[in-house]
């Protein structure tokens, strides 16, 4: 329930991904398996992880996958009513043709690892099977990078089909529910065998979508923060209903960021004593500038804790914000430059997309 609230999953079906994600995230829902479960396709050869992560935040790509899962679960409910039996799981088909070293780019692998961790923790047993087709020699390397993030039960659901994969796939999905591209008889209304209206095959993301070199935000503050040190920023919230909005970018590495609500005025509280409003996440702000917001509806004060960003969401209180350098193995050591632009604006409908009430 906490995860659903933090991700606003009850309202996520009203959300729409950005254009670059809609056009270049290679996946899609197409047809049902022989037991009536929806089938979710992933096309690895069309996956440009680096291009996507240079165009949108990691959080949007994760949100896109949660959005997709909620769409699939809605279809499960519709299938349950239609078939008169419980349909609670989904089938997945991963087409690994074209897997190469570019798909093993570290930030991209970390994104996939984070998704599978969230999937296992918050959508337990949703996967009926993970069917792998056209697996190249590099597949074991890629799978070993993801393997620690999935349970033993999920590992047992991985089915790697061989050279006769089209015939094998028909054991799970009837021909009229399987695209011609995958050995079935289903086509688009115009006869396209790939069912492009249902499955996005992705491709290389054009550079005009890249944000790092095109978004030039004039930040109010800039500071150099040494490795392991932190920076505090104060904001005052004057009245309820404010939208607390933050924008930040970094050079050299990602940023650990989370939000707490503190209700004891004038006292220092540990993280365990406060209410976590925004769960701890790593933001690739060195690749894509971050822009987020929260609607402040409760009184309280935030306090800096362990170098993470904490925000005052209270009425008439003060906010202490802290940005910490978050190192990962592939990043060079040393100081980094952080730029940020925190702010408060009145909560007006449509003013700050993505703002959500606590």
Protein backbone atom coordinates (compact mmCIF):
# COMPACT_ATOMS: atom_id res chain seq x y z
CA UNK A 1 0.00 0.00 0.00
CA UNK A 2 2.87 2.37 0.80
CA UNK A 3 4.38 1.78 -2.64
CA UNK A 4 1.03 2.34 -4.35
CA UNK A 5 0.59 5.63 -2.53
CA UNK A 6 4.12 6.85 -3.23
CA UNK A 7 3.80 6.00 -6.91
CA UNK A 8 0.19 7.24 -7.06
CA UNK A 9 -0.77 3.97 -8.76
CA UNK A 10 -4.48 4.44 -8.13
CA UNK A 11 -4.38 7.35 -10.59
CA UNK A 12 -1.56 6.24 -12.85
CA UNK A 13 -3.80 5.14 -15.73
CA UNK A 14 -4.67 8.81 -16.26
CA UNK A 15 -0.96 9.56 -16.71
CA UNK A 16 0.62 9.73 -20.17
CA UNK A 17 4.32 9.14 -20.86
CA UNK A 18 6.31 11.71 -22.79
CA UNK A 19 6.59 11.51 -26.56
CA UNK A 20 10.07 9.99 -26.65
CA UNK A 21 9.00 7.17 -24.31
CA UNK A 22 5.85 6.50 -26.31
CA UNK A 23 7.86 6.30 -29.53
CA UNK A 24 11.04 4.55 -28.43
CA UNK A 25 10.29 2.30 -25.44
CA UNK A 26 10.19 -1.07 -27.24
CA UNK A 27 7.38 -3.04 -25.64
CA UNK A 28 3.67 -3.60 -25.89
CA UNK A 29 0.64 -5.64 -24.90
CA UNK A 30 -0.70 -7.88 -27.67
CA UNK A 31 -3.24 -10.68 -27.39
CA UNK A 32 -3.75 -13.32 -24.70
CA UNK A 33 -2.23 -16.69 -23.96
CA UNK A 34 -4.21 -19.93 -24.07
CA UNK A 35 -5.44 -19.39 -20.50
CA UNK A 36 -6.64 -15.86 -21.17
CA UNK A 37 -3.75 -13.94 -19.59
CA UNK A 38 -2.47 -10.80 -21.38
CA UNK A 39 0.89 -11.08 -23.14
CA UNK A 40 3.53 -8.36 -22.68
CA UNK A 41 6.24 -8.17 -25.36
CA UNK A 42 9.73 -6.65 -25.01
CA UNK A 43 11.89 -6.08 -28.11
CA UNK A 44 15.52 -5.86 -27.04
CA UNK A 45 17.02 -4.95 -30.42
CA UNK A 46 15.01 -1.72 -30.39
CA UNK A 47 16.02 -0.75 -26.86
CA UNK A 48 18.25 2.34 -26.77
CA UNK A 49 18.72 2.65 -23.01
CA UNK A 50 21.34 5.36 -23.26
CA UNK A 51 19.20 7.45 -25.60
CA UNK A 52 16.16 7.12 -23.34
CA UNK A 53 18.11 7.98 -20.19
CA UNK A 54 19.53 11.07 -21.91
CA UNK A 55 16.00 12.14 -22.84
CA UNK A 56 13.92 11.48 -19.70
CA UNK A 57 14.57 10.74 -16.05
CA UNK A 58 15.02 7.22 -14.76
CA UNK A 59 11.89 7.79 -12.67
CA UNK A 60 9.77 8.33 -15.79
CA UNK A 61 11.01 5.09 -17.35
CA UNK A 62 10.21 3.20 -14.15
CA UNK A 63 6.82 4.90 -14.01
CA UNK A 64 6.16 3.85 -17.61
CA UNK A 65 6.66 0.22 -16.64
CA UNK A 66 4.41 0.55 -13.58
CA UNK A 67 1.82 2.19 -15.83
CA UNK A 68 2.12 -0.75 -18.22
CA UNK A 69 1.68 -3.23 -15.37
CA UNK A 70 -1.45 -1.46 -14.17
CA UNK A 71 -2.86 -1.57 -17.73
CA UNK A 72 -2.15 -5.30 -17.84
CA UNK A 73 -3.81 -5.82 -14.45
CA UNK A 74 -6.87 -3.94 -15.66
CA UNK A 75 -6.99 -6.28 -18.63
CA UNK A 76 -6.76 -9.24 -16.23
CA UNK A 77 -9.89 -7.96 -14.47
CA UNK A 78 -11.70 -7.61 -17.79
CA UNK A 79 -10.64 -11.12 -18.82
CA UNK A 80 -11.86 -12.50 -15.49
CA UNK A 81 -15.32 -11.07 -16.15
CA UNK A 82 -15.33 -12.20 -19.76
CA UNK A 83 -14.15 -15.76 -19.12
CA UNK A 84 -15.89 -16.31 -15.79
CA UNK A 85 -12.67 -17.33 -14.06
CA UNK A 86 -9.85 -15.63 -12.19
CA UNK A 87 -7.15 -14.20 -14.45
CA UNK A 88 -4.43 -12.71 -12.24
CA UNK A 89 -1.11 -13.26 -14.03
CA UNK A 90 0.55 -12.05 -17.21
CA UNK A 91 2.75 -13.80 -19.74
CA UNK A 92 5.83 -12.06 -21.08
CA UNK A 93 7.80 -12.61 -24.29
CA UNK A 94 11.32 -11.20 -24.51
CA UNK A 95 12.81 -11.06 -28.03
CA UNK A 96 16.56 -10.91 -27.40
CA UNK A 97 17.66 -10.68 -31.01
CA UNK A 98 20.26 -7.94 -31.37
CA UNK A 99 21.42 -8.00 -27.73
CA UNK A 100 24.85 -6.35 -27.61
CA UNK A 101 27.27 -4.69 -25.23
CA UNK A 102 25.45 -1.36 -25.64
CA UNK A 103 22.55 -2.92 -23.72
CA UNK A 104 24.91 -3.65 -20.81
CA UNK A 105 25.67 0.05 -20.23
CA UNK A 106 25.86 0.40 -16.45
CA UNK A 107 23.14 3.07 -15.84
CA UNK A 108 20.79 1.09 -18.09
CA UNK A 109 21.48 -2.17 -16.29
CA UNK A 110 20.86 -0.43 -12.95
CA UNK A 111 17.50 0.79 -14.25
CA UNK A 112 16.46 -2.76 -15.17
CA UNK A 113 17.71 -4.06 -11.83
CA UNK A 114 15.68 -1.43 -9.97
CA UNK A 115 12.56 -2.31 -11.95
CA UNK A 116 12.82 -6.02 -11.19
CA UNK A 117 13.42 -5.27 -7.50
CA UNK A 118 10.24 -3.17 -7.43
CA UNK A 119 8.36 -5.82 -9.42
CA UNK A 120 9.27 -8.58 -6.97
CA UNK A 121 8.52 -6.44 -3.92
CA UNK A 122 5.23 -4.92 -5.05
CA UNK A 123 3.78 -7.19 -7.75
CA UNK A 124 4.56 -10.62 -6.29
CA UNK A 125 3.58 -13.58 -8.45
CA UNK A 126 2.20 -11.40 -11.23
CA UNK A 127 4.39 -13.13 -13.83
CA UNK A 128 3.14 -16.44 -15.17
CA UNK A 129 6.27 -16.96 -17.26
CA UNK A 130 9.15 -15.12 -18.93
CA UNK A 131 9.56 -16.59 -22.39
CA UNK A 132 12.92 -15.86 -24.06
CA UNK A 133 13.26 -16.16 -27.84
CA UNK A 134 16.27 -15.67 -30.11
CA UNK A 135 18.71 -15.58 -27.18
CA UNK A 136 22.29 -14.86 -28.42
CA UNK A 137 25.56 -15.95 -26.83
CA UNK A 138 25.62 -12.76 -24.75
CA UNK A 139 22.31 -13.61 -23.08
CA UNK A 140 23.83 -15.50 -20.08
CA UNK A 141 25.94 -12.42 -19.27
CA UNK A 142 22.87 -10.14 -19.34
CA UNK A 143 20.78 -12.59 -17.33
CA UNK A 144 23.44 -12.94 -14.64
CA UNK A 145 23.30 -9.15 -14.11
CA UNK A 146 19.54 -9.35 -13.42
CA UNK A 147 19.45 -12.73 -11.68
CA UNK A 148 20.24 -11.44 -8.14
CA UNK A 149 17.22 -9.11 -8.35
CA UNK A 150 14.60 -11.77 -9.02
CA UNK A 151 13.42 -14.50 -6.69
CA UNK A 152 14.09 -18.18 -7.13
CA UNK A 153 10.41 -18.65 -7.94
CA UNK A 154 10.64 -16.13 -10.79
CA UNK A 155 13.83 -17.74 -12.09
CA UNK A 156 11.97 -21.02 -12.44
CA UNK A 157 9.47 -19.25 -14.73
CA UNK A 158 12.17 -18.29 -17.27
CA UNK A 159 11.72 -20.39 -20.41
CA UNK A 160 14.43 -20.16 -23.08
CA UNK A 161 13.13 -21.41 -26.41
CA UNK A 162 15.50 -22.82 -29.02
CA UNK A 163 15.71 -22.65 -32.79
CA UNK A 164 12.12 -23.86 -33.23
CA UNK A 165 10.86 -21.11 -30.95
CA UNK A 166 7.93 -20.19 -33.20
CA UNK A 167 6.48 -23.68 -32.90
CA UNK A 168 7.19 -23.76 -29.16
CA UNK A 169 5.53 -20.39 -28.65
CA UNK A 170 2.28 -21.79 -30.07
CA UNK A 171 2.07 -24.12 -27.06
CA UNK A 172 1.49 -21.05 -24.90
CA UNK A 173 -0.36 -18.70 -27.30
CA UNK A 174 -2.91 -19.69 -29.96
CA UNK A 175 -2.12 -18.57 -33.56
CA UNK A 176 -4.93 -15.99 -33.72
CA UNK A 177 -3.51 -14.28 -30.59
CA UNK A 178 0.11 -14.34 -31.77
CA UNK A 179 1.56 -11.85 -34.30
CA UNK A 180 2.78 -13.28 -37.61
CA UNK A 181 6.21 -11.91 -36.66
CA UNK A 182 6.26 -14.41 -33.80
CA UNK A 183 4.81 -17.39 -35.65
CA UNK A 184 1.06 -16.76 -35.37
CA UNK A 185 -1.63 -15.41 -37.69
CA UNK A 186 -2.47 -12.07 -36.02
CA UNK A 187 -1.86 -8.91 -38.04
CA UNK A 188 -2.74 -5.26 -37.80
CA UNK A 189 -5.91 -4.14 -39.63
CA UNK A 190 -3.67 -3.09 -42.56
CA UNK A 191 -2.07 -6.53 -42.64
CA UNK A 192 1.21 -5.58 -40.94
CA UNK A 193 2.69 -8.82 -39.51
CA UNK A 194 4.47 -7.04 -36.65
CA UNK A 195 1.24 -5.66 -35.11
CA UNK A 196 2.77 -2.20 -34.82
CA UNK A 197 -0.44 -0.77 -33.39
CA UNK A 198 0.08 -2.96 -30.32
CA UNK A 199 3.83 -3.53 -30.05
CA UNK A 200 6.39 -0.71 -30.22
CA UNK A 201 9.65 -1.93 -31.77
CA UNK A 202 11.64 1.10 -30.59
CA UNK A 203 14.88 2.15 -32.28
CA UNK A 204 17.69 4.63 -31.73
CA UNK A 205 16.49 7.76 -29.96
CA UNK A 206 17.19 10.89 -32.09
CA UNK A 207 19.55 13.33 -30.41
CA UNK A 208 17.04 16.18 -30.57
CA UNK A 209 15.27 14.46 -27.66
CA UNK A 210 18.39 14.59 -25.46
CA UNK A 211 17.79 17.00 -22.60
CA UNK A 212 21.21 17.47 -21.08
CA UNK A 213 22.53 19.55 -23.97
CA UNK A 214 19.26 21.31 -24.80
CA UNK A 215 17.73 22.25 -21.45
CA UNK A 216 19.57 25.28 -20.13
CA UNK A 217 18.02 26.06 -16.76
CA UNK A 218 19.31 29.15 -14.99
CA UNK A 219 19.53 27.80 -11.46
CA UNK A 220 19.36 30.13 -8.47
CA UNK A 221 22.24 28.41 -6.69
CA UNK A 222 25.37 26.48 -7.57
CA UNK A 223 27.86 24.87 -5.24
CA UNK A 224 30.69 22.37 -5.25
CA UNK A 225 30.20 19.52 -2.80
CA UNK A 226 33.11 17.26 -1.96
CA UNK A 227 32.76 13.52 -1.92
CA UNK A 228 30.94 12.37 1.21
CA UNK A 229 29.90 15.89 2.25
CA UNK A 230 26.51 17.57 2.01
CA UNK A 231 24.77 20.86 1.35
CA UNK A 232 21.76 22.39 3.16
CA UNK A 233 19.16 24.71 1.65
CA UNK A 234 16.31 26.43 3.56
CA UNK A 235 12.83 27.27 2.31
CA UNK A 236 9.88 28.72 4.18
CA UNK A 237 6.32 27.56 3.54
CA UNK A 238 3.85 30.35 4.22
CA UNK A 239 0.43 28.73 3.80
CA UNK A 240 -1.25 25.37 3.18
CA UNK A 241 -1.91 24.27 -0.38
CA UNK A 242 1.50 25.35 -1.62
CA UNK A 243 3.24 23.22 -4.20
CA UNK A 244 6.82 22.56 -3.22
CA UNK A 245 8.79 22.24 -6.43
CA UNK A 246 12.44 21.39 -6.88
CA UNK A 247 14.69 21.47 -9.89
CA UNK A 248 18.29 20.32 -9.78
CA UNK A 249 21.13 19.08 -11.91
CA UNK A 250 24.58 17.70 -11.15
CA UNK A 251 27.89 17.13 -12.83
CA UNK A 252 29.74 13.87 -12.38
CA UNK A 253 27.22 11.63 -10.65
CA UNK A 254 23.70 10.89 -9.51
CA UNK A 255 21.94 12.25 -6.41
CA UNK A 256 20.25 10.51 -3.51
CA UNK A 257 16.92 12.23 -2.84
CA UNK A 258 13.98 11.63 -0.50
CA UNK A 259 11.36 13.63 1.39
CA UNK A 260 10.22 13.35 5.01
CA UNK A 261 7.44 15.08 6.91
CA UNK A 262 8.32 16.13 10.46
CA UNK A 263 5.55 17.02 12.93
CA UNK A 264 7.51 17.84 16.09
CA UNK A 265 8.44 21.49 15.95
CA UNK A 266 11.83 22.51 17.31
CA UNK A 267 13.08 18.95 17.84
CA UNK A 268 15.53 16.93 15.81
CA UNK A 269 14.04 13.65 14.67
CA UNK A 270 15.65 10.60 13.21
CA UNK A 271 14.44 9.29 9.87
CA UNK A 272 12.61 6.40 11.54
CA UNK A 273 10.60 8.91 13.61
CA UNK A 274 9.38 10.92 10.61
CA UNK A 275 6.89 10.12 7.89
CA UNK A 276 8.52 9.30 4.59
CA UNK A 277 6.66 11.21 1.90
CA UNK A 278 8.87 10.47 -1.09
CA UNK A 279 10.83 7.22 -0.94
CA UNK A 280 14.59 7.26 -1.32
CA UNK A 281 15.64 7.13 -4.96
CA UNK A 282 18.72 7.83 -7.03
CA UNK A 283 18.20 10.52 -9.67
CA UNK A 284 20.39 10.58 -12.77
CA UNK A 285 20.51 14.36 -12.58
CA UNK A 286 23.96 14.34 -14.19
CA UNK A 287 22.24 13.12 -17.38
CA UNK A 288 18.77 14.69 -17.25
CA UNK A 289 17.87 17.71 -15.05
CA UNK A 290 15.32 16.73 -12.40
CA UNK A 291 12.05 18.62 -11.94
CA UNK A 292 9.61 17.43 -9.28
CA UNK A 293 6.94 18.69 -6.94
CA UNK A 294 4.64 17.86 -4.03
CA UNK A 295 1.46 19.55 -2.84
CA UNK A 296 1.75 20.54 0.82
CA UNK A 297 -1.44 19.79 2.75
CA UNK A 298 -0.15 18.92 6.23
CA UNK A 299 1.61 20.99 8.86
CA UNK A 300 5.10 19.94 9.82
CA UNK A 301 8.82 20.60 9.56
CA UNK A 302 11.55 18.64 7.85
CA UNK A 303 15.05 18.09 9.11
CA UNK A 304 18.25 17.20 7.34
CA UNK A 305 19.11 13.52 7.80
CA UNK A 306 22.14 11.56 6.64
CA UNK A 307 22.82 13.87 3.72
CA UNK A 308 19.58 13.22 1.86
CA UNK A 309 17.25 15.91 0.57
CA UNK A 310 14.52 16.57 3.13
CA UNK A 311 11.79 19.12 2.56
CA UNK A 312 9.61 21.17 4.89
CA UNK A 313 5.97 20.47 4.01
CA UNK A 314 4.51 22.39 6.94
CA UNK A 315 2.46 25.55 7.37
CA UNK A 316 4.52 28.47 8.62
CA UNK A 317 7.51 26.21 9.20
CA UNK A 318 10.96 26.06 7.69
CA UNK A 319 12.48 23.55 5.39
CA UNK A 320 15.99 22.17 5.43
CA UNK A 321 17.12 20.55 2.23
CA UNK A 322 20.32 18.62 1.82
CA UNK A 323 21.87 17.14 -1.31
CA UNK A 324 24.42 14.40 -0.91
CA UNK A 325 26.94 13.09 -3.40
CA UNK A 326 26.02 9.46 -4.08
CA UNK A 327 28.93 7.45 -5.44
CA UNK A 328 28.74 4.28 -7.54
CA UNK A 329 31.62 2.17 -8.64
CA UNK A 330 31.82 3.37 -12.24
CA UNK A 331 31.98 7.04 -11.35
CA UNK A 332 35.18 9.00 -10.90
CA UNK A 333 35.97 10.17 -7.33
CA UNK A 334 36.30 13.79 -6.34
CA UNK A 335 34.16 16.88 -5.96
CA UNK A 336 31.07 17.57 -8.01
CA UNK A 337 29.11 20.65 -8.92
CA UNK A 338 25.45 20.69 -7.85
CA UNK A 339 22.95 23.22 -9.16
CA UNK A 340 19.47 23.53 -7.75
CA UNK A 341 16.38 25.66 -7.87
CA UNK A 342 13.92 24.97 -5.02
CA UNK A 343 10.71 26.96 -4.87
CA UNK A 344 7.15 27.33 -3.63
CA UNK A 345 4.17 28.17 -5.78
CA UNK A 346 0.43 28.29 -5.06
CA UNK A 347 -1.36 25.02 -5.78
CA UNK A 348 -3.45 25.76 -8.85
CA UNK A 349 -4.91 23.15 -11.11
CA UNK A 350 -2.62 22.37 -14.03
CA UNK A 351 0.17 24.65 -12.82
CA UNK A 352 2.72 22.03 -11.87
CA UNK A 353 2.37 18.71 -13.74
CA UNK A 354 3.29 15.76 -11.56
CA UNK A 355 2.43 17.44 -8.27
CA UNK A 356 0.56 15.07 -6.00
CA UNK A 357 -0.98 15.53 -2.56
CA UNK A 358 0.54 13.95 0.53
